[in-house]
């Protein structure tokens, strides 16, 4: 995932409603815009704007089923963000392990301090 795509993905997920929509789609599969909107106390046009942001970020895709607009999560887009987190998790875990080793060595060399 390139840097621009990653920024767009995280920007789209930075809004609590959009993050909640993605979580609902991950759990519930494909949903209509009306079903997506039902638990939120905001207007349908506002939900539509949130869905547009998620769609432009590549996190969801839309299909038209007669008069209904149905949305589903694009797992490959979420997977790319997951991969980015995994790379950084591995880096930080290694850094913390090295720090723990250094601190243990310091403590062993200076037991009275």
PDB file of N, CA and C in Angstrom:
ATOM      1  N   UNK A   1       0.866  -1.177   0.000  1.00  0.00           N
ATOM      2  CA  UNK A   1       0.000   0.000   0.000  1.00  0.00           C
ATOM      3  C   UNK A   1       0.904   1.228   0.000  1.00  0.00           C
ATOM      4  N   UNK A   2       0.699   2.123  -0.961  1.00  0.00           N
ATOM      5  CA  UNK A   2       1.544   3.312  -1.007  1.00  0.00           C
ATOM      6  C   UNK A   2       1.105   4.322   0.055  1.00  0.00           C
ATOM      7  N   UNK A   3       1.961   5.298   0.287  1.00  0.00           N
ATOM      8  CA  UNK A   3       1.736   6.250   1.371  1.00  0.00           C
ATOM      9  C   UNK A   3       0.442   7.049   1.201  1.00  0.00           C
ATOM     10  N   UNK A   4       0.142   7.484  -0.016  1.00  0.00           N
ATOM     11  CA  UNK A   4      -1.075   8.260  -0.255  1.00  0.00           C
ATOM     12  C   UNK A   4      -2.320   7.425   0.022  1.00  0.00           C
ATOM     13  N   UNK A   5      -2.317   6.188  -0.450  1.00  0.00           N
ATOM     14  CA  UNK A   5      -3.451   5.292  -0.215  1.00  0.00           C
ATOM     15  C   UNK A   5      -3.618   5.031   1.276  1.00  0.00           C
ATOM     16  N   UNK A   6      -2.517   4.827   1.955  1.00  0.00           N
ATOM     17  CA  UNK A   6      -2.550   4.588   3.395  1.00  0.00           C
ATOM     18  C   UNK A   6      -3.127   5.796   4.136  1.00  0.00           C
ATOM     19  N   UNK A   7      -2.706   6.993   3.766  1.00  0.00           N
ATOM     20  CA  UNK A   7      -3.234   8.209   4.388  1.00  0.00           C
ATOM     21  C   UNK A   7      -4.734   8.353   4.125  1.00  0.00           C
ATOM     22  N   UNK A   8      -5.153   8.047   2.908  1.00  0.00           N
ATOM     23  CA  UNK A   8      -6.574   8.118   2.571  1.00  0.00           C
ATOM     24  C   UNK A   8      -7.366   7.101   3.389  1.00  0.00           C
ATOM     25  N   UNK A   9      -6.843   5.895   3.522  1.00  0.00           N
ATOM     26  CA  UNK A   9      -7.513   4.852   4.300  1.00  0.00           C
ATOM     27  C   UNK A   9      -7.652   5.267   5.754  1.00  0.00           C
ATOM     28  N   UNK A  10      -6.558   5.681   6.367  1.00  0.00           N
ATOM     29  CA  UNK A  10      -6.619   6.058   7.783  1.00  0.00           C
ATOM     30  C   UNK A  10      -7.448   7.320   7.982  1.00  0.00           C
ATOM     31  N   UNK A  11      -7.409   8.243   7.014  1.00  0.00           N
ATOM     32  CA  UNK A  11      -8.256   9.426   7.097  1.00  0.00           C
ATOM     33  C   UNK A  11      -9.730   9.059   7.089  1.00  0.00           C
ATOM     34  N   UNK A  12     -10.088   8.116   6.227  1.00  0.00           N
ATOM     35  CA  UNK A  12     -11.488   7.670   6.162  1.00  0.00           C
ATOM     36  C   UNK A  12     -11.905   6.989   7.464  1.00  0.00           C
ATOM     37  N   UNK A  13     -10.998   6.234   8.057  1.00  0.00           N
ATOM     38  CA  UNK A  13     -11.318   5.510   9.289  1.00  0.00           C
ATOM     39  C   UNK A  13     -11.217   6.382  10.539  1.00  0.00           C
ATOM     40  N   UNK A  14     -10.740   7.607  10.392  1.00  0.00           N
ATOM     41  CA  UNK A  14     -10.548   8.468  11.562  1.00  0.00           C
ATOM     42  C   UNK A  14     -11.857   9.007  12.128  1.00  0.00           C
ATOM     43  N   UNK A  15     -12.916   8.948  11.351  1.00  0.00           N
ATOM     44  CA  UNK A  15     -14.218   9.404  11.838  1.00  0.00           C
ATOM     45  C   UNK A  15     -14.923   8.247  12.543  1.00  0.00           C
ATOM     46  N   UNK A  16     -15.449   8.468  13.754  1.00  0.00           N
ATOM     47  CA  UNK A  16     -16.077   7.373  14.502  1.00  0.00           C
ATOM     48  C   UNK A  16     -17.259   6.723  13.780  1.00  0.00           C
ATOM     49  N   UNK A  17     -18.033   7.498  13.062  1.00  0.00           N
ATOM     50  CA  UNK A  17     -19.179   6.914  12.351  1.00  0.00           C
ATOM     51  C   UNK A  17     -18.691   6.038  11.207  1.00  0.00           C
ATOM     52  N   UNK A  18     -17.701   6.520  10.456  1.00  0.00           N
ATOM     53  CA  UNK A  18     -17.182   5.704   9.347  1.00  0.00           C
ATOM     54  C   UNK A  18     -16.521   4.432   9.867  1.00  0.00           C
ATOM     55  N   UNK A  19     -15.791   4.537  10.958  1.00  0.00           N
ATOM     56  CA  UNK A  19     -15.178   3.350  11.552  1.00  0.00           C
ATOM     57  C   UNK A  19     -16.257   2.358  11.984  1.00  0.00           C
ATOM     58  N   UNK A  20     -17.319   2.865  12.573  1.00  0.00           N
ATOM     59  CA  UNK A  20     -18.433   2.018  12.991  1.00  0.00           C
ATOM     60  C   UNK A  20     -19.105   1.356  11.793  1.00  0.00           C
ATOM     61  N   UNK A  21     -19.255   2.099  10.707  1.00  0.00           N
ATOM     62  CA  UNK A  21     -19.845   1.529   9.486  1.00  0.00           C
ATOM     63  C   UNK A  21     -18.982   0.379   8.978  1.00  0.00           C
ATOM     64  N   UNK A  22     -17.675   0.581   8.935  1.00  0.00           N
ATOM     65  CA  UNK A  22     -16.764  -0.474   8.477  1.00  0.00           C
ATOM     66  C   UNK A  22     -16.877  -1.693   9.389  1.00  0.00           C
ATOM     67  N   UNK A  23     -16.940  -1.480  10.697  1.00  0.00           N
ATOM     68  CA  UNK A  23     -17.076  -2.598  11.632  1.00  0.00           C
ATOM     69  C   UNK A  23     -18.392  -3.346  11.410  1.00  0.00           C
ATOM     70  N   UNK A  24     -19.473  -2.606  11.182  1.00  0.00           N
ATOM     71  CA  UNK A  24     -20.767  -3.247  10.933  1.00  0.00           C
ATOM     72  C   UNK A  24     -20.747  -4.056   9.651  1.00  0.00           C
ATOM     73  N   UNK A  25     -20.134  -3.513   8.600  1.00  0.00           N
ATOM     74  CA  UNK A  25     -20.042  -4.251   7.340  1.00  0.00           C
ATOM     75  C   UNK A  25     -19.155  -5.491   7.496  1.00  0.00           C
ATOM     76  N   UNK A  26     -18.124  -5.397   8.314  1.00  0.00           N
ATOM     77  CA  UNK A  26     -17.248  -6.550   8.548  1.00  0.00           C
ATOM     78  C   UNK A  26     -18.020  -7.665   9.259  1.00  0.00           C
ATOM     79  N   UNK A  27     -18.877  -7.296  10.183  1.00  0.00           N
ATOM     80  CA  UNK A  27     -19.668  -8.292  10.925  1.00  0.00           C
ATOM     81  C   UNK A  27     -20.879  -8.779  10.145  1.00  0.00           C
ATOM     82  N   UNK A  28     -21.565  -7.852   9.463  1.00  0.00           N
ATOM     83  CA  UNK A  28     -22.856  -8.186   8.875  1.00  0.00           C
ATOM     84  C   UNK A  28     -22.869  -8.452   7.394  1.00  0.00           C
ATOM     85  N   UNK A  29     -21.762  -8.268   6.734  1.00  0.00           N
ATOM     86  CA  UNK A  29     -21.744  -8.474   5.287  1.00  0.00           C
ATOM     87  C   UNK A  29     -22.400  -7.315   4.555  1.00  0.00           C
ATOM     88  N   UNK A  30     -22.850  -7.580   3.361  1.00  0.00           N
ATOM     89  CA  UNK A  30     -23.435  -6.548   2.504  1.00  0.00           C
ATOM     90  C   UNK A  30     -24.716  -5.994   3.128  1.00  0.00           C
ATOM     91  N   UNK A  31     -24.884  -4.657   3.044  1.00  0.00           N
ATOM     92  CA  UNK A  31     -26.060  -3.988   3.604  1.00  0.00           C
ATOM     93  C   UNK A  31     -26.508  -2.868   2.691  1.00  0.00           C
ATOM     94  N   UNK A  32     -27.781  -2.554   2.775  1.00  0.00           N
ATOM     95  CA  UNK A  32     -28.289  -1.386   2.055  1.00  0.00           C
ATOM     96  C   UNK A  32     -27.899  -0.135   2.826  1.00  0.00           C
ATOM     97  N   UNK A  33     -27.948   0.993   2.133  1.00  0.00           N
ATOM     98  CA  UNK A  33     -27.636   2.264   2.792  1.00  0.00           C
ATOM     99  C   UNK A  33     -28.605   2.522   3.944  1.00  0.00           C
ATOM    100  N   UNK A  34     -29.871   2.174   3.763  1.00  0.00           N
ATOM    101  CA  UNK A  34     -30.857   2.354   4.836  1.00  0.00           C
ATOM    102  C   UNK A  34     -30.545   1.508   6.049  1.00  0.00           C
ATOM    103  N   UNK A  35     -30.131   0.249   5.827  1.00  0.00           N
ATOM    104  CA  UNK A  35     -29.748  -0.607   6.951  1.00  0.00           C
ATOM    105  C   UNK A  35     -28.515  -0.063   7.659  1.00  0.00           C
ATOM    106  N   UNK A  36     -27.581   0.448   6.894  1.00  0.00           N
ATOM    107  CA  UNK A  36     -26.374   1.029   7.486  1.00  0.00           C
ATOM    108  C   UNK A  36     -26.743   2.230   8.337  1.00  0.00           C
ATOM    109  N   UNK A  37     -27.678   3.050   7.853  1.00  0.00           N
ATOM    110  CA  UNK A  37     -28.049   4.292   8.537  1.00  0.00           C
ATOM    111  C   UNK A  37     -28.869   4.074   9.797  1.00  0.00           C
ATOM    112  N   UNK A  38     -29.552   2.942   9.909  1.00  0.00           N
ATOM    113  CA  UNK A  38     -30.556   2.762  10.965  1.00  0.00           C
ATOM    114  C   UNK A  38     -30.094   3.046  12.398  1.00  0.00           C
ATOM    115  N   UNK A  39     -28.892   2.671  12.838  1.00  0.00           N
ATOM    116  CA  UNK A  39     -28.559   2.938  14.246  1.00  0.00           C
ATOM    117  C   UNK A  39     -28.040   4.355  14.536  1.00  0.00           C
ATOM    118  N   UNK A  40     -27.866   5.169  13.506  1.00  0.00           N
ATOM    119  CA  UNK A  40     -27.248   6.480  13.697  1.00  0.00           C
ATOM    120  C   UNK A  40     -28.296   7.583  13.737  1.00  0.00           C
ATOM    121  N   UNK A  41     -28.074   8.548  14.585  1.00  0.00           N
ATOM    122  CA  UNK A  41     -28.991   9.683  14.718  1.00  0.00           C
ATOM    123  C   UNK A  41     -28.558  10.830  13.808  1.00  0.00           C
ATOM    124  N   UNK A  42     -28.267  10.494  12.554  1.00  0.00           N
ATOM    125  CA  UNK A  42     -27.907  11.515  11.568  1.00  0.00           C
ATOM    126  C   UNK A  42     -28.738  11.258  10.313  1.00  0.00           C
ATOM    127  N   UNK A  43     -28.775  12.228   9.443  1.00  0.00           N
ATOM    128  CA  UNK A  43     -29.625  12.145   8.251  1.00  0.00           C
ATOM    129  C   UNK A  43     -29.078  11.131   7.238  1.00  0.00           C
ATOM    130  N   UNK A  44     -29.954  10.683   6.354  1.00  0.00           N
ATOM    131  CA  UNK A  44     -29.525   9.790   5.276  1.00  0.00           C
ATOM    132  C   UNK A  44     -28.497  10.452   4.356  1.00  0.00           C
ATOM    133  N   UNK A  45     -28.659  11.758   4.031  1.00  0.00           N
ATOM    134  CA  UNK A  45     -27.602  12.388   3.222  1.00  0.00           C
ATOM    135  C   UNK A  45     -26.237  12.387   3.925  1.00  0.00           C
ATOM    136  N   UNK A  46     -26.232  12.526   5.250  1.00  0.00           N
ATOM    137  CA  UNK A  46     -24.962  12.482   5.983  1.00  0.00           C
ATOM    138  C   UNK A  46     -24.346  11.086   5.899  1.00  0.00           C
ATOM    139  N   UNK A  47     -25.179  10.054   6.041  1.00  0.00           N
ATOM    140  CA  UNK A  47     -24.689   8.677   5.902  1.00  0.00           C
ATOM    141  C   UNK A  47     -24.154   8.469   4.484  1.00  0.00           C
ATOM    142  N   UNK A  48     -24.855   9.002   3.501  1.00  0.00           N
ATOM    143  CA  UNK A  48     -24.424   8.882   2.118  1.00  0.00           C
ATOM    144  C   UNK A  48     -23.048   9.521   1.922  1.00  0.00           C
ATOM    145  N   UNK A  49     -22.814  10.668   2.555  1.00  0.00           N
ATOM    146  CA  UNK A  49     -21.502  11.320   2.454  1.00  0.00           C
ATOM    147  C   UNK A  49     -20.419  10.450   3.100  1.00  0.00           C
ATOM    148  N   UNK A  50     -20.733   9.865   4.263  1.00  0.00           N
ATOM    149  CA  UNK A  50     -19.768   8.969   4.922  1.00  0.00           C
ATOM    150  C   UNK A  50     -19.463   7.763   4.030  1.00  0.00           C
ATOM    151  N   UNK A  51     -20.488   7.197   3.429  1.00  0.00           N
ATOM    152  CA  UNK A  51     -20.279   6.058   2.535  1.00  0.00           C
ATOM    153  C   UNK A  51     -19.444   6.465   1.318  1.00  0.00           C
ATOM    154  N   UNK A  52     -19.652   7.678   0.829  1.00  0.00           N
ATOM    155  CA  UNK A  52     -18.851   8.180  -0.294  1.00  0.00           C
ATOM    156  C   UNK A  52     -17.382   8.285   0.067  1.00  0.00           C
ATOM    157  N   UNK A  53     -17.092   8.762   1.275  1.00  0.00           N
ATOM    158  CA  UNK A  53     -15.697   8.847   1.730  1.00  0.00           C
ATOM    159  C   UNK A  53     -15.090   7.449   1.795  1.00  0.00           C
ATOM    160  N   UNK A  54     -15.833   6.497   2.358  1.00  0.00           N
ATOM    161  CA  UNK A  54     -15.335   5.124   2.468  1.00  0.00           C
ATOM    162  C   UNK A  54     -15.142   4.493   1.091  1.00  0.00           C
ATOM    163  N   UNK A  55     -16.034   4.801   0.174  1.00  0.00           N
ATOM    164  CA  UNK A  55     -15.930   4.267  -1.184  1.00  0.00           C
ATOM    165  C   UNK A  55     -14.718   4.861  -1.906  1.00  0.00           C
ATOM    166  N   UNK A  56     -14.530   6.172  -1.810  1.00  0.00           N
ATOM    167  CA  UNK A  56     -13.373   6.811  -2.461  1.00  0.00           C
ATOM    168  C   UNK A  56     -12.051   6.307  -1.875  1.00  0.00           C
ATOM    169  N   UNK A  57     -12.072   5.948  -0.594  1.00  0.00           N
ATOM    170  CA  UNK A  57     -10.866   5.403   0.047  1.00  0.00           C
ATOM    171  C   UNK A  57     -10.643   3.945  -0.335  1.00  0.00           C
ATOM    172  N   UNK A  58     -11.612   3.347  -1.027  1.00  0.00           N
ATOM    173  CA  UNK A  58     -11.472   1.962  -1.452  1.00  0.00           C
ATOM    174  C   UNK A  58     -11.822   0.945  -0.388  1.00  0.00           C
ATOM    175  N   UNK A  59     -12.421   1.397   0.709  1.00  0.00           N
ATOM    176  CA  UNK A  59     -12.752   0.487   1.804  1.00  0.00           C
ATOM    177  C   UNK A  59     -14.072  -0.246   1.594  1.00  0.00           C
ATOM    178  N   UNK A  60     -14.992   0.380   0.884  1.00  0.00           N
ATOM    179  CA  UNK A  60     -16.271  -0.268   0.583  1.00  0.00           C
ATOM    180  C   UNK A  60     -16.540  -0.137  -0.906  1.00  0.00           C
ATOM    181  N   UNK A  61     -17.388  -1.016  -1.384  1.00  0.00           N
ATOM    182  CA  UNK A  61     -17.831  -0.888  -2.767  1.00  0.00           C
ATOM    183  C   UNK A  61     -19.346  -0.923  -2.790  1.00  0.00           C
ATOM    184  N   UNK A  62     -19.898  -0.252  -3.782  1.00  0.00           N
ATOM    185  CA  UNK A  62     -21.344  -0.097  -3.929  1.00  0.00           C
ATOM    186  C   UNK A  62     -21.810  -0.879  -5.144  1.00  0.00           C
ATOM    187  N   UNK A  63     -22.982  -1.453  -4.999  1.00  0.00           N
ATOM    188  CA  UNK A  63     -23.635  -2.043  -6.171  1.00  0.00           C
ATOM    189  C   UNK A  63     -25.100  -1.648  -6.109  1.00  0.00           C
ATOM    190  N   UNK A  64     -25.676  -1.508  -7.273  1.00  0.00           N
ATOM    191  CA  UNK A  64     -27.079  -1.116  -7.363  1.00  0.00           C
ATOM    192  C   UNK A  64     -27.905  -2.376  -7.585  1.00  0.00           C
ATOM    193  N   UNK A  65     -28.880  -2.571  -6.712  1.00  0.00           N
ATOM    194  CA  UNK A  65     -29.785  -3.708  -6.790  1.00  0.00           C
ATOM    195  C   UNK A  65     -31.191  -3.137  -6.942  1.00  0.00           C
ATOM    196  N   UNK A  66     -31.635  -3.012  -8.199  1.00  0.00           N
ATOM    197  CA  UNK A  66     -32.876  -2.320  -8.548  1.00  0.00           C
ATOM    198  C   UNK A  66     -32.822  -0.908  -7.978  1.00  0.00           C
ATOM    199  N   UNK A  67     -33.668  -0.592  -7.011  1.00  0.00           N
ATOM    200  CA  UNK A  67     -33.661   0.781  -6.482  1.00  0.00           C
ATOM    201  C   UNK A  67     -32.790   0.924  -5.232  1.00  0.00           C
ATOM    202  N   UNK A  68     -32.186  -0.155  -4.766  1.00  0.00           N
ATOM    203  CA  UNK A  68     -31.381  -0.122  -3.541  1.00  0.00           C
ATOM    204  C   UNK A  68     -29.903   0.022  -3.863  1.00  0.00           C
ATOM    205  N   UNK A  69     -29.226   0.738  -3.027  1.00  0.00           N
ATOM    206  CA  UNK A  69     -27.773   0.823  -3.084  1.00  0.00           C
ATOM    207  C   UNK A  69     -27.257  -0.071  -1.967  1.00  0.00           C
ATOM    208  N   UNK A  70     -26.463  -1.048  -2.341  1.00  0.00           N
ATOM    209  CA  UNK A  70     -25.940  -1.981  -1.360  1.00  0.00           C
ATOM    210  C   UNK A  70     -24.430  -1.802  -1.263  1.00  0.00           C
ATOM    211  N   UNK A  71     -23.918  -1.937  -0.052  1.00  0.00           N
ATOM    212  CA  UNK A  71     -22.498  -1.716   0.208  1.00  0.00           C
ATOM    213  C   UNK A  71     -21.905  -2.945   0.869  1.00  0.00           C
ATOM    214  N   UNK A  72     -20.644  -3.186   0.522  1.00  0.00           N
ATOM    215  CA  UNK A  72     -19.922  -4.263   1.182  1.00  0.00           C
ATOM    216  C   UNK A  72     -18.497  -3.809   1.427  1.00  0.00           C
ATOM    217  N   UNK A  73     -17.896  -4.394   2.427  1.00  0.00           N
ATOM    218  CA  UNK A  73     -16.515  -4.102   2.772  1.00  0.00           C
ATOM    219  C   UNK A  73     -15.597  -4.733   1.739  1.00  0.00           C
ATOM    220  N   UNK A  74     -14.532  -4.041   1.400  1.00  0.00           N
ATOM    221  CA  UNK A  74     -13.497  -4.600   0.520  1.00  0.00           C
ATOM    222  C   UNK A  74     -12.374  -5.125   1.414  1.00  0.00           C
ATOM    223  N   UNK A  75     -12.375  -6.425   1.719  1.00  0.00           N
ATOM    224  CA  UNK A  75     -11.400  -6.976   2.664  1.00  0.00           C
ATOM    225  C   UNK A  75      -9.949  -6.720   2.273  1.00  0.00           C
ATOM    226  N   UNK A  76      -9.668  -6.672   0.960  1.00  0.00           N
ATOM    227  CA  UNK A  76      -8.283  -6.443   0.548  1.00  0.00           C
ATOM    228  C   UNK A  76      -7.786  -5.066   0.975  1.00  0.00           C
ATOM    229  N   UNK A  77      -8.661  -4.069   1.011  1.00  0.00           N
ATOM    230  CA  UNK A  77      -8.255  -2.726   1.451  1.00  0.00           C
ATOM    231  C   UNK A  77      -7.975  -2.718   2.948  1.00  0.00           C
ATOM    232  N   UNK A  78      -8.820  -3.370   3.707  1.00  0.00           N
ATOM    233  CA  UNK A  78      -8.603  -3.461   5.151  1.00  0.00           C
ATOM    234  C   UNK A  78      -7.363  -4.306   5.427  1.00  0.00           C
ATOM    235  N   UNK A  79      -7.156  -5.348   4.630  1.00  0.00           N
ATOM    236  CA  UNK A  79      -5.981  -6.199   4.789  1.00  0.00           C
ATOM    237  C   UNK A  79      -4.684  -5.445   4.569  1.00  0.00           C
ATOM    238  N   UNK A  80      -4.676  -4.515   3.626  1.00  0.00           N
ATOM    239  CA  UNK A  80      -3.469  -3.718   3.373  1.00  0.00           C
ATOM    240  C   UNK A  80      -3.128  -2.850   4.582  1.00  0.00           C
ATOM    241  N   UNK A  81      -4.145  -2.262   5.213  1.00  0.00           N
ATOM    242  CA  UNK A  81      -3.910  -1.476   6.427  1.00  0.00           C
ATOM    243  C   UNK A  81      -3.411  -2.385   7.543  1.00  0.00           C
ATOM    244  N   UNK A  82      -3.977  -3.563   7.641  1.00  0.00           N
ATOM    245  CA  UNK A  82      -3.535  -4.541   8.641  1.00  0.00           C
ATOM    246  C   UNK A  82      -2.064  -4.893   8.431  1.00  0.00           C
ATOM    247  N   UNK A  83      -1.676  -5.111   7.187  1.00  0.00           N
ATOM    248  CA  UNK A  83      -0.280  -5.431   6.888  1.00  0.00           C
ATOM    249  C   UNK A  83       0.649  -4.316   7.339  1.00  0.00           C
ATOM    250  N   UNK A  84       0.233  -3.070   7.132  1.00  0.00           N
ATOM    251  CA  UNK A  84       1.046  -1.926   7.553  1.00  0.00           C
ATOM    252  C   UNK A  84       1.217  -1.948   9.073  1.00  0.00           C
ATOM    253  N   UNK A  85       0.118  -2.202   9.790  1.00  0.00           N
ATOM    254  CA  UNK A  85       0.196  -2.279  11.252  1.00  0.00           C
ATOM    255  C   UNK A  85       1.110  -3.415  11.694  1.00  0.00           C
ATOM    256  N   UNK A  86       1.036  -4.535  11.031  1.00  0.00           N
ATOM    257  CA  UNK A  86       1.867  -5.684  11.402  1.00  0.00           C
ATOM    258  C   UNK A  86       3.351  -5.375  11.234  1.00  0.00           C
ATOM    259  N   UNK A  87       3.715  -4.674  10.161  1.00  0.00           N
ATOM    260  CA  UNK A  87       5.111  -4.286   9.968  1.00  0.00           C
ATOM    261  C   UNK A  87       5.583  -3.408  11.119  1.00  0.00           C
ATOM    262  N   UNK A  88       4.768  -2.452  11.499  1.00  0.00           N
ATOM    263  CA  UNK A  88       5.159  -1.540  12.560  1.00  0.00           C
ATOM    264  C   UNK A  88       5.100  -2.203  13.930  1.00  0.00           C
ATOM    265  N   UNK A  89       4.178  -3.126  14.114  1.00  0.00           N
ATOM    266  CA  UNK A  89       4.121  -3.862  15.375  1.00  0.00           C
ATOM    267  C   UNK A  89       5.409  -4.656  15.552  1.00  0.00           C
ATOM    268  N   UNK A  90       5.855  -5.326  14.513  1.00  0.00           N
ATOM    269  CA  UNK A  90       7.084  -6.113  14.583  1.00  0.00           C
ATOM    270  C   UNK A  90       8.279  -5.212  14.915  1.00  0.00           C
ATOM    271  N   UNK A  91       8.335  -4.038  14.299  1.00  0.00           N
ATOM    272  CA  UNK A  91       9.426  -3.100  14.585  1.00  0.00           C
ATOM    273  C   UNK A  91       9.420  -2.698  16.050  1.00  0.00           C
ATOM    274  N   UNK A  92       8.254  -2.289  16.565  1.00  0.00           N
ATOM    275  CA  UNK A  92       8.186  -1.811  17.946  1.00  0.00           C
ATOM    276  C   UNK A  92       8.405  -2.924  18.958  1.00  0.00           C
ATOM    277  N   UNK A  93       7.911  -4.118  18.679  1.00  0.00           N
ATOM    278  CA  UNK A  93       8.169  -5.232  19.591  1.00  0.00           C
ATOM    279  C   UNK A  93       9.659  -5.526  19.663  1.00  0.00           C
ATOM    280  N   UNK A  94      10.330  -5.511  18.516  1.00  0.00           N
ATOM    281  CA  UNK A  94      11.779  -5.711  18.505  1.00  0.00           C
ATOM    282  C   UNK A  94      12.501  -4.611  19.262  1.00  0.00           C
ATOM    283  N   UNK A  95      12.050  -3.371  19.104  1.00  0.00           N
ATOM    284  CA  UNK A  95      12.665  -2.246  19.819  1.00  0.00           C
ATOM    285  C   UNK A  95      12.474  -2.383  21.321  1.00  0.00           C
ATOM    286  N   UNK A  96      11.285  -2.772  21.732  1.00  0.00           N
ATOM    287  CA  UNK A  96      11.024  -2.939  23.171  1.00  0.00           C
ATOM    288  C   UNK A  96      11.829  -4.111  23.734  1.00  0.00           C
ATOM    289  N   UNK A  97      11.999  -5.168  22.958  1.00  0.00           N
ATOM    290  CA  UNK A  97      12.821  -6.297  23.402  1.00  0.00           C
ATOM    291  C   UNK A  97      14.270  -5.867  23.590  1.00  0.00           C
ATOM    292  N   UNK A  98      14.782  -5.078  22.634  1.00  0.00           N
ATOM    293  CA  UNK A  98      16.164  -4.585  22.760  1.00  0.00           C
ATOM    294  C   UNK A  98      16.297  -3.662  23.968  1.00  0.00           C
ATOM    295  N   UNK A  99      15.307  -2.816  24.205  1.00  0.00           N
ATOM    296  CA  UNK A  99      15.328  -1.924  25.368  1.00  0.00           C
ATOM    297  C   UNK A  99      15.313  -2.731  26.661  1.00  0.00           C
ATOM    298  N   UNK A 100      14.503  -3.764  26.732  1.00  0.00           N
ATOM    299  CA  UNK A 100      14.445  -4.604  27.929  1.00  0.00           C
ATOM    300  C   UNK A 100      15.791  -5.264  28.187  1.00  0.00           C
ATOM    301  N   UNK A 101      16.475  -5.695  27.119  1.00  0.00           N
ATOM    302  CA  UNK A 101      17.792  -6.310  27.265  1.00  0.00           C
ATOM    303  C   UNK A 101      18.787  -5.307  27.833  1.00  0.00           C
ATOM    304  N   UNK A 102      18.788  -4.099  27.299  1.00  0.00           N
ATOM    305  CA  UNK A 102      19.698  -3.054  27.783  1.00  0.00           C
ATOM    306  C   UNK A 102      19.409  -2.737  29.245  1.00  0.00           C
ATOM    307  N   UNK A 103      18.143  -2.598  29.603  1.00  0.00           N
ATOM    308  CA  UNK A 103      17.792  -2.288  30.989  1.00  0.00           C
ATOM    309  C   UNK A 103      18.191  -3.417  31.939  1.00  0.00           C
ATOM    310  N   UNK A 104      18.042  -4.639  31.500  1.00  0.00           N
ATOM    311  CA  UNK A 104      18.456  -5.783  32.319  1.00  0.00           C
ATOM    312  C   UNK A 104      19.966  -5.768  32.511  1.00  0.00           C
ATOM    313  N   UNK A 105      20.710  -5.466  31.437  1.00  0.00           N
ATOM    314  CA  UNK A 105      22.172  -5.387  31.551  1.00  0.00           C
ATOM    315  C   UNK A 105      22.583  -4.279  32.499  1.00  0.00           C
ATOM    316  N   UNK A 106      21.943  -3.137  32.433  1.00  0.00           N
ATOM    317  CA  UNK A 106      22.253  -2.016  33.334  1.00  0.00           C
ATOM    318  C   UNK A 106      21.967  -2.409  34.768  1.00  0.00           C
ATOM    319  N   UNK A 107      20.842  -3.053  34.984  1.00  0.00           N
ATOM    320  CA  UNK A 107      20.448  -3.471  36.329  1.00  0.00           C
ATOM    321  C   UNK A 107      21.429  -4.504  36.862  1.00  0.00           C
ATOM    322  N   UNK A 108      21.914  -5.401  36.027  1.00  0.00           N
ATOM    323  CA  UNK A 108      22.860  -6.437  36.439  1.00  0.00           C
ATOM    324  C   UNK A 108      24.222  -5.819  36.782  1.00  0.00           C
ATOM    325  N   UNK A 109      24.635  -4.825  36.003  1.00  0.00           N
ATOM    326  CA  UNK A 109      25.930  -4.162  36.239  1.00  0.00           C
ATOM    327  C   UNK A 109      25.899  -3.253  37.461  1.00  0.00           C
ATOM    328  N   UNK A 110      24.748  -2.735  37.823  1.00  0.00           N
ATOM    329  CA  UNK A 110      24.608  -1.792  38.941  1.00  0.00           C
ATOM    330  C   UNK A 110      23.470  -2.233  39.879  1.00  0.00           C
ATOM    331  N   UNK A 111      23.628  -3.344  40.579  1.00  0.00           N
ATOM    332  CA  UNK A 111      22.521  -3.879  41.378  1.00  0.00           C
ATOM    333  C   UNK A 111      22.118  -2.979  42.545  1.00  0.00           C
ATOM    334  N   UNK A 112      23.004  -2.135  43.051  1.00  0.00           N
ATOM    335  CA  UNK A 112      22.685  -1.318  44.222  1.00  0.00           C
ATOM    336  C   UNK A 112      22.000  -0.008  43.882  1.00  0.00           C
ATOM    337  N   UNK A 113      22.010   0.413  42.643  1.00  0.00           N
ATOM    338  CA  UNK A 113      21.441   1.699  42.261  1.00  0.00           C
ATOM    339  C   UNK A 113      19.990   1.615  42.007  1.00  0.00           C
TER     340      UNK A 113
END
